[in-house]
Amino acid sequence: MTRDEIVALLERHREGFAGRNAEALAAAHAEDGTFESPAHGIVRGRAKILEVYRFWFNAFPDLELTWNDPIVDGHRAAVFWSFKGTSSGPFFGALGVGSRVEMRGAAEYVFADGSISSIRHIFDFSGVLMRTGVLKVKPT
């Protein structure tokens, strides 16, 4: 893929988040693609990746994902992002309705044959769980 094709695909991906369109987001992935994150581990296949997007949109009805311009290098891109959302119910444990979650992270995208072959997200998921009360830290 050319740099312009990658940038265009990433823009459509960003629009998918803005429009809360899990189907469009998953459709950008290769049928046998992977999605990796601290929250979900490694997920394989477009159908399972769709479940991840649906999970986040259901957990956070007001989810906002914003990102900086991508850094494109050959068939790979990096995107630094910010996430904000209010939980609509249980989220990986005891996070209750109305809990506000904010975090920053990065994603590495790898492209092949006009689609996303893999995404790897990096963020402090344990910190998010601690700040929202899901993960309890024992005082020293």
N, C-alpha and C. Protein backbone atom coordinates (compact mmCIF):
# COMPACT_ATOMS: atom_id res chain seq x y z
N MET A 1 0.84 -1.19 0.00
CA MET A 1 0.00 0.00 0.00
C MET A 1 0.89 1.25 0.00
N THR A 2 0.42 2.27 -0.65
CA THR A 2 1.15 3.52 -0.65
C THR A 2 0.88 4.28 0.65
N ARG A 3 1.69 5.28 0.90
CA ARG A 3 1.49 6.10 2.09
C ARG A 3 0.12 6.75 2.04
N ASP A 4 -0.27 7.28 0.90
CA ASP A 4 -1.58 7.93 0.77
C ASP A 4 -2.72 6.95 1.03
N GLU A 5 -2.60 5.71 0.56
CA GLU A 5 -3.63 4.69 0.82
C GLU A 5 -3.72 4.37 2.32
N ILE A 6 -2.56 4.30 2.97
CA ILE A 6 -2.56 4.03 4.41
C ILE A 6 -3.20 5.17 5.17
N VAL A 7 -2.83 6.39 4.84
CA VAL A 7 -3.41 7.56 5.51
C VAL A 7 -4.93 7.60 5.30
N ALA A 8 -5.38 7.30 4.10
CA ALA A 8 -6.82 7.29 3.81
C ALA A 8 -7.53 6.20 4.61
N LEU A 9 -6.95 5.02 4.71
CA LEU A 9 -7.56 3.93 5.48
C LEU A 9 -7.62 4.32 6.95
N LEU A 10 -6.57 4.92 7.48
CA LEU A 10 -6.58 5.36 8.87
C LEU A 10 -7.62 6.44 9.11
N GLU A 11 -7.83 7.32 8.15
CA GLU A 11 -8.86 8.34 8.29
C GLU A 11 -10.24 7.70 8.33
N ARG A 12 -10.47 6.70 7.50
CA ARG A 12 -11.76 5.97 7.54
C ARG A 12 -11.91 5.26 8.89
N HIS A 13 -10.81 4.75 9.42
CA HIS A 13 -10.84 4.07 10.71
C HIS A 13 -11.20 5.08 11.82
N ARG A 14 -10.60 6.25 11.77
CA ARG A 14 -10.92 7.31 12.74
C ARG A 14 -12.39 7.68 12.64
N GLU A 15 -12.88 7.80 11.42
CA GLU A 15 -14.30 8.12 11.21
C GLU A 15 -15.20 7.02 11.76
N GLY A 16 -14.77 5.77 11.67
CA GLY A 16 -15.52 4.66 12.24
C GLY A 16 -15.67 4.81 13.75
N PHE A 17 -14.60 5.26 14.43
CA PHE A 17 -14.71 5.53 15.86
C PHE A 17 -15.65 6.70 16.12
N ALA A 18 -15.49 7.76 15.37
CA ALA A 18 -16.32 8.94 15.57
C ALA A 18 -17.80 8.60 15.35
N GLY A 19 -18.08 7.72 14.39
CA GLY A 19 -19.45 7.32 14.10
C GLY A 19 -19.92 6.11 14.89
N ARG A 20 -19.07 5.61 15.79
CA ARG A 20 -19.40 4.45 16.63
C ARG A 20 -19.85 3.26 15.75
N ASN A 21 -19.12 3.03 14.68
CA ASN A 21 -19.50 2.02 13.70
C ASN A 21 -18.55 0.81 13.80
N ALA A 22 -18.89 -0.12 14.70
CA ALA A 22 -18.04 -1.29 14.93
C ALA A 22 -17.89 -2.13 13.66
N GLU A 23 -18.94 -2.23 12.87
CA GLU A 23 -18.88 -3.03 11.65
C GLU A 23 -17.89 -2.45 10.65
N ALA A 24 -17.92 -1.12 10.49
CA ALA A 24 -16.97 -0.47 9.57
C ALA A 24 -15.54 -0.62 10.07
N LEU A 25 -15.35 -0.50 11.38
CA LEU A 25 -14.01 -0.67 11.95
C LEU A 25 -13.48 -2.08 11.68
N ALA A 26 -14.30 -3.08 11.96
CA ALA A 26 -13.87 -4.46 11.76
C ALA A 26 -13.65 -4.77 10.28
N ALA A 27 -14.44 -4.18 9.40
CA ALA A 27 -14.31 -4.43 7.97
C ALA A 27 -12.97 -3.98 7.41
N ALA A 28 -12.31 -3.05 8.09
CA ALA A 28 -11.01 -2.57 7.64
C ALA A 28 -9.89 -3.58 7.93
N HIS A 29 -10.19 -4.58 8.75
CA HIS A 29 -9.20 -5.60 9.12
C HIS A 29 -9.20 -6.74 8.11
N ALA A 30 -8.05 -7.35 7.94
CA ALA A 30 -7.95 -8.57 7.14
C ALA A 30 -8.78 -9.66 7.80
N GLU A 31 -9.33 -10.54 7.00
CA GLU A 31 -10.18 -11.63 7.54
C GLU A 31 -9.46 -12.40 8.65
N ASP A 32 -8.16 -12.61 8.51
CA ASP A 32 -7.39 -13.36 9.51
C ASP A 32 -6.48 -12.44 10.33
N GLY A 33 -6.85 -11.15 10.41
CA GLY A 33 -6.03 -10.17 11.11
C GLY A 33 -6.00 -10.37 12.61
N THR A 34 -5.12 -9.61 13.28
CA THR A 34 -5.01 -9.67 14.73
C THR A 34 -5.20 -8.29 15.33
N PHE A 35 -5.69 -8.32 16.56
CA PHE A 35 -5.90 -7.10 17.36
C PHE A 35 -5.35 -7.44 18.73
N GLU A 36 -4.37 -6.66 19.19
CA GLU A 36 -3.73 -6.93 20.48
C GLU A 36 -3.85 -5.71 21.37
N SER A 37 -4.21 -5.95 22.63
CA SER A 37 -4.27 -4.87 23.60
C SER A 37 -4.11 -5.44 25.00
N PRO A 38 -3.71 -4.60 25.97
CA PRO A 38 -3.62 -5.07 27.35
C PRO A 38 -4.97 -5.51 27.90
N ALA A 39 -6.05 -4.98 27.38
CA ALA A 39 -7.38 -5.31 27.88
C ALA A 39 -7.92 -6.63 27.33
N HIS A 40 -7.55 -6.99 26.10
CA HIS A 40 -8.14 -8.16 25.45
C HIS A 40 -7.13 -9.23 25.06
N GLY A 41 -5.86 -8.99 25.26
CA GLY A 41 -4.85 -9.94 24.79
C GLY A 41 -4.80 -9.90 23.27
N ILE A 42 -4.49 -11.04 22.67
CA ILE A 42 -4.44 -11.13 21.21
C ILE A 42 -5.73 -11.76 20.71
N VAL A 43 -6.41 -11.03 19.85
CA VAL A 43 -7.67 -11.49 19.26
C VAL A 43 -7.40 -11.74 17.78
N ARG A 44 -7.83 -12.89 17.28
CA ARG A 44 -7.57 -13.26 15.88
C ARG A 44 -8.87 -13.38 15.09
N GLY A 45 -8.86 -12.79 13.90
CA GLY A 45 -10.00 -12.91 12.99
C GLY A 45 -10.95 -11.74 13.08
N ARG A 46 -11.47 -11.36 11.92
CA ARG A 46 -12.35 -10.19 11.81
C ARG A 46 -13.58 -10.29 12.71
N ALA A 47 -14.18 -11.46 12.81
CA ALA A 47 -15.39 -11.62 13.63
C ALA A 47 -15.09 -11.36 15.11
N LYS A 48 -13.97 -11.85 15.60
CA LYS A 48 -13.59 -11.62 17.00
C LYS A 48 -13.19 -10.16 17.23
N ILE A 49 -12.55 -9.55 16.24
CA ILE A 49 -12.18 -8.14 16.34
C ILE A 49 -13.45 -7.28 16.41
N LEU A 50 -14.47 -7.64 15.66
CA LEU A 50 -15.75 -6.95 15.72
C LEU A 50 -16.29 -6.98 17.15
N GLU A 51 -16.17 -8.11 17.83
CA GLU A 51 -16.64 -8.23 19.21
C GLU A 51 -15.91 -7.26 20.13
N VAL A 52 -14.63 -7.04 19.90
CA VAL A 52 -13.86 -6.08 20.72
C VAL A 52 -14.41 -4.68 20.54
N TYR A 53 -14.61 -4.26 19.29
CA TYR A 53 -15.16 -2.92 19.05
C TYR A 53 -16.55 -2.78 19.68
N ARG A 54 -17.39 -3.78 19.52
CA ARG A 54 -18.73 -3.72 20.12
C ARG A 54 -18.65 -3.63 21.64
N PHE A 55 -17.73 -4.37 22.25
CA PHE A 55 -17.57 -4.35 23.70
C PHE A 55 -17.31 -2.92 24.17
N TRP A 56 -16.36 -2.24 23.55
CA TRP A 56 -16.00 -0.88 23.98
C TRP A 56 -17.14 0.10 23.74
N PHE A 57 -17.83 0.00 22.61
CA PHE A 57 -18.95 0.90 22.36
C PHE A 57 -20.10 0.64 23.32
N ASN A 58 -20.34 -0.60 23.70
CA ASN A 58 -21.39 -0.92 24.67
C ASN A 58 -21.00 -0.47 26.07
N ALA A 59 -19.74 -0.67 26.44
CA ALA A 59 -19.27 -0.30 27.77
C ALA A 59 -19.23 1.21 27.96
N PHE A 60 -18.97 1.94 26.87
CA PHE A 60 -18.82 3.39 26.93
C PHE A 60 -19.64 4.05 25.83
N PRO A 61 -20.93 4.29 26.08
CA PRO A 61 -21.79 4.88 25.05
C PRO A 61 -21.33 6.25 24.56
N ASP A 62 -20.57 6.96 25.40
CA ASP A 62 -20.08 8.28 25.00
C ASP A 62 -18.59 8.26 24.65
N LEU A 63 -18.07 7.10 24.30
CA LEU A 63 -16.65 6.93 24.00
C LEU A 63 -16.15 7.97 23.01
N GLU A 64 -15.05 8.61 23.37
CA GLU A 64 -14.38 9.56 22.48
C GLU A 64 -12.95 9.07 22.30
N LEU A 65 -12.56 8.82 21.08
CA LEU A 65 -11.19 8.43 20.77
C LEU A 65 -10.65 9.44 19.78
N THR A 66 -9.63 10.16 20.20
CA THR A 66 -9.00 11.13 19.32
C THR A 66 -7.55 10.74 19.14
N TRP A 67 -6.99 11.11 17.99
CA TRP A 67 -5.57 10.80 17.80
C TRP A 67 -4.87 11.84 16.97
N ASN A 68 -3.54 11.83 17.14
CA ASN A 68 -2.68 12.72 16.37
C ASN A 68 -2.50 12.16 14.97
N ASP A 69 -1.92 12.96 14.09
CA ASP A 69 -1.62 12.48 12.75
C ASP A 69 -0.74 11.23 12.84
N PRO A 70 -1.00 10.25 11.99
CA PRO A 70 -0.21 9.02 12.04
C PRO A 70 1.23 9.24 11.58
N ILE A 71 2.09 8.40 12.10
CA ILE A 71 3.48 8.33 11.64
C ILE A 71 3.56 7.09 10.77
N VAL A 72 3.79 7.27 9.48
CA VAL A 72 3.77 6.16 8.53
C VAL A 72 5.20 5.84 8.09
N ASP A 73 5.54 4.56 8.16
CA ASP A 73 6.86 4.09 7.75
C ASP A 73 6.67 2.79 6.97
N GLY A 74 6.75 2.87 5.66
CA GLY A 74 6.53 1.68 4.84
C GLY A 74 5.12 1.16 5.00
N HIS A 75 5.00 -0.11 5.38
CA HIS A 75 3.68 -0.74 5.53
C HIS A 75 3.17 -0.70 6.98
N ARG A 76 3.78 0.19 7.80
CA ARG A 76 3.38 0.30 9.20
C ARG A 76 3.07 1.76 9.54
N ALA A 77 2.26 1.93 10.58
CA ALA A 77 1.95 3.27 11.06
C ALA A 77 1.81 3.23 12.58
N ALA A 78 2.14 4.34 13.20
CA ALA A 78 1.93 4.52 14.64
C ALA A 78 0.97 5.67 14.83
N VAL A 79 0.07 5.49 15.79
CA VAL A 79 -0.91 6.52 16.11
C VAL A 79 -0.93 6.69 17.62
N PHE A 80 -0.77 7.92 18.09
CA PHE A 80 -0.90 8.22 19.51
C PHE A 80 -2.30 8.74 19.75
N TRP A 81 -3.01 8.16 20.74
CA TRP A 81 -4.42 8.46 20.91
C TRP A 81 -4.76 8.81 22.35
N SER A 82 -5.96 9.40 22.52
CA SER A 82 -6.55 9.70 23.83
C SER A 82 -7.95 9.13 23.84
N PHE A 83 -8.32 8.54 24.97
CA PHE A 83 -9.62 7.91 25.15
C PHE A 83 -10.32 8.57 26.33
N LYS A 84 -11.61 8.84 26.17
CA LYS A 84 -12.46 9.32 27.25
C LYS A 84 -13.80 8.62 27.13
N GLY A 85 -14.38 8.28 28.26
CA GLY A 85 -15.70 7.68 28.21
C GLY A 85 -16.27 7.47 29.60
N THR A 86 -17.58 7.33 29.67
CA THR A 86 -18.28 7.08 30.92
C THR A 86 -18.91 5.69 30.84
N SER A 87 -18.60 4.86 31.82
CA SER A 87 -19.06 3.47 31.80
C SER A 87 -20.58 3.38 31.94
N SER A 88 -21.17 2.49 31.15
CA SER A 88 -22.61 2.25 31.23
C SER A 88 -22.92 1.05 32.11
N GLY A 89 -21.89 0.42 32.66
CA GLY A 89 -22.11 -0.74 33.51
C GLY A 89 -20.81 -1.46 33.78
N PRO A 90 -20.88 -2.74 34.14
CA PRO A 90 -19.67 -3.48 34.48
C PRO A 90 -18.64 -3.44 33.34
N PHE A 91 -17.39 -3.26 33.74
CA PHE A 91 -16.30 -3.18 32.79
C PHE A 91 -15.11 -3.91 33.39
N PHE A 92 -14.81 -5.11 32.89
CA PHE A 92 -13.71 -5.92 33.40
C PHE A 92 -13.76 -6.03 34.92
N GLY A 93 -14.92 -6.23 35.46
CA GLY A 93 -15.04 -6.39 36.91
C GLY A 93 -16.10 -5.50 37.48
N ALA A 94 -15.74 -4.70 38.47
CA ALA A 94 -16.71 -3.98 39.29
C ALA A 94 -16.95 -2.53 38.91
N LEU A 95 -16.39 -2.07 37.81
CA LEU A 95 -16.58 -0.67 37.43
C LEU A 95 -18.06 -0.40 37.25
N GLY A 96 -18.59 0.54 38.01
CA GLY A 96 -20.02 0.80 38.00
C GLY A 96 -20.45 1.81 36.97
N VAL A 97 -21.74 1.92 36.85
CA VAL A 97 -22.35 2.88 35.95
C VAL A 97 -21.89 4.28 36.33
N GLY A 98 -21.53 5.06 35.32
CA GLY A 98 -21.15 6.44 35.54
C GLY A 98 -19.68 6.68 35.85
N SER A 99 -18.85 5.64 35.88
CA SER A 99 -17.42 5.83 36.13
C SER A 99 -16.76 6.43 34.90
N ARG A 100 -16.04 7.52 35.11
CA ARG A 100 -15.35 8.22 34.02
C ARG A 100 -13.97 7.61 33.84
N VAL A 101 -13.64 7.28 32.60
CA VAL A 101 -12.35 6.69 32.27
C VAL A 101 -11.65 7.58 31.27
N GLU A 102 -10.39 7.87 31.54
CA GLU A 102 -9.56 8.62 30.60
C GLU A 102 -8.20 7.95 30.56
N MET A 103 -7.66 7.81 29.36
CA MET A 103 -6.32 7.23 29.21
C MET A 103 -5.72 7.67 27.88
N ARG A 104 -4.41 7.53 27.83
CA ARG A 104 -3.66 7.80 26.60
C ARG A 104 -2.91 6.54 26.22
N GLY A 105 -2.68 6.39 24.93
CA GLY A 105 -1.95 5.22 24.48
C GLY A 105 -1.45 5.41 23.07
N ALA A 106 -0.99 4.30 22.52
CA ALA A 106 -0.47 4.30 21.15
C ALA A 106 -0.88 2.99 20.49
N ALA A 107 -0.94 3.03 19.18
CA ALA A 107 -1.26 1.84 18.41
C ALA A 107 -0.29 1.71 17.25
N GLU A 108 0.15 0.49 17.02
CA GLU A 108 0.96 0.17 15.84
C GLU A 108 0.05 -0.58 14.87
N TYR A 109 -0.06 -0.05 13.68
CA TYR A 109 -0.85 -0.68 12.62
C TYR A 109 0.12 -1.29 11.61
N VAL A 110 -0.22 -2.47 11.12
CA VAL A 110 0.51 -3.10 10.02
C VAL A 110 -0.51 -3.36 8.92
N PHE A 111 -0.15 -3.01 7.69
CA PHE A 111 -1.07 -3.09 6.56
C PHE A 111 -0.58 -4.09 5.51
N ALA A 112 -1.51 -4.74 4.86
CA ALA A 112 -1.20 -5.64 3.75
C ALA A 112 -2.45 -5.79 2.89
N ASP A 113 -2.26 -5.81 1.59
CA ASP A 113 -3.35 -6.07 0.65
C ASP A 113 -4.58 -5.19 0.86
N GLY A 114 -4.35 -3.91 1.17
CA GLY A 114 -5.46 -2.97 1.29
C GLY A 114 -6.22 -3.00 2.60
N SER A 115 -5.71 -3.73 3.59
CA SER A 115 -6.42 -3.80 4.87
C SER A 115 -5.43 -3.78 6.03
N ILE A 116 -5.97 -3.76 7.23
CA ILE A 116 -5.17 -3.80 8.45
C ILE A 116 -4.89 -5.26 8.77
N SER A 117 -3.63 -5.66 8.73
CA SER A 117 -3.32 -7.05 9.08
C SER A 117 -3.14 -7.22 10.58
N SER A 118 -2.70 -6.17 11.27
CA SER A 118 -2.62 -6.24 12.72
C SER A 118 -2.62 -4.84 13.33
N ILE A 119 -3.15 -4.79 14.54
CA ILE A 119 -3.08 -3.60 15.39
C ILE A 119 -2.59 -4.06 16.75
N ARG A 120 -1.67 -3.29 17.30
CA ARG A 120 -1.20 -3.55 18.67
C ARG A 120 -1.32 -2.25 19.45
N HIS A 121 -2.19 -2.27 20.48
CA HIS A 121 -2.38 -1.10 21.34
C HIS A 121 -1.51 -1.23 22.58
N ILE A 122 -0.98 -0.09 23.01
CA ILE A 122 -0.19 -0.04 24.24
C ILE A 122 -0.77 1.06 25.11
N PHE A 123 -1.18 0.69 26.33
CA PHE A 123 -1.68 1.68 27.30
C PHE A 123 -1.62 1.07 28.69
N ASP A 124 -1.74 1.91 29.70
CA ASP A 124 -1.65 1.48 31.10
C ASP A 124 -3.02 1.01 31.58
N PHE A 125 -3.37 -0.22 31.22
CA PHE A 125 -4.68 -0.74 31.59
C PHE A 125 -4.80 -0.97 33.09
N SER A 126 -3.74 -1.43 33.73
CA SER A 126 -3.77 -1.62 35.18
C SER A 126 -4.03 -0.29 35.88
N GLY A 127 -3.40 0.78 35.40
CA GLY A 127 -3.64 2.10 35.97
C GLY A 127 -5.09 2.52 35.84
N VAL A 128 -5.70 2.25 34.70
CA VAL A 128 -7.11 2.56 34.49
C VAL A 128 -7.97 1.78 35.49
N LEU A 129 -7.68 0.49 35.66
CA LEU A 129 -8.46 -0.33 36.58
C LEU A 129 -8.27 0.14 38.03
N MET A 130 -7.07 0.59 38.38
CA MET A 130 -6.85 1.11 39.74
C MET A 130 -7.59 2.42 39.95
N ARG A 131 -7.51 3.33 39.00
CA ARG A 131 -8.15 4.64 39.16
C ARG A 131 -9.67 4.53 39.21
N THR A 132 -10.24 3.49 38.62
CA THR A 132 -11.69 3.33 38.61
C THR A 132 -12.19 2.41 39.70
N GLY A 133 -11.27 1.84 40.50
CA GLY A 133 -11.68 1.02 41.63
C GLY A 133 -11.88 -0.45 41.30
N VAL A 134 -11.68 -0.87 40.06
CA VAL A 134 -11.83 -2.28 39.71
C VAL A 134 -10.71 -3.10 40.33
N LEU A 135 -9.49 -2.56 40.29
CA LEU A 135 -8.32 -3.23 40.85
C LEU A 135 -7.92 -2.51 42.11
N LYS A 136 -7.90 -3.24 43.21
CA LYS A 136 -7.56 -2.65 44.50
C LYS A 136 -6.07 -2.83 44.74
N VAL A 137 -5.44 -1.77 45.24
CA VAL A 137 -4.03 -1.80 45.57
C VAL A 137 -3.90 -1.82 47.09
N LYS A 138 -3.11 -2.76 47.55
CA LYS A 138 -2.91 -2.89 48.99
C LYS A 138 -1.86 -1.86 49.42
N PRO A 139 -2.21 -1.00 50.41
CA PRO A 139 -1.24 0.01 50.86
C PRO A 139 -0.01 -0.66 51.48
N THR A 140 1.14 0.01 51.37
CA THR A 140 2.36 -0.55 51.95
C THR A 140 2.51 -0.17 53.39
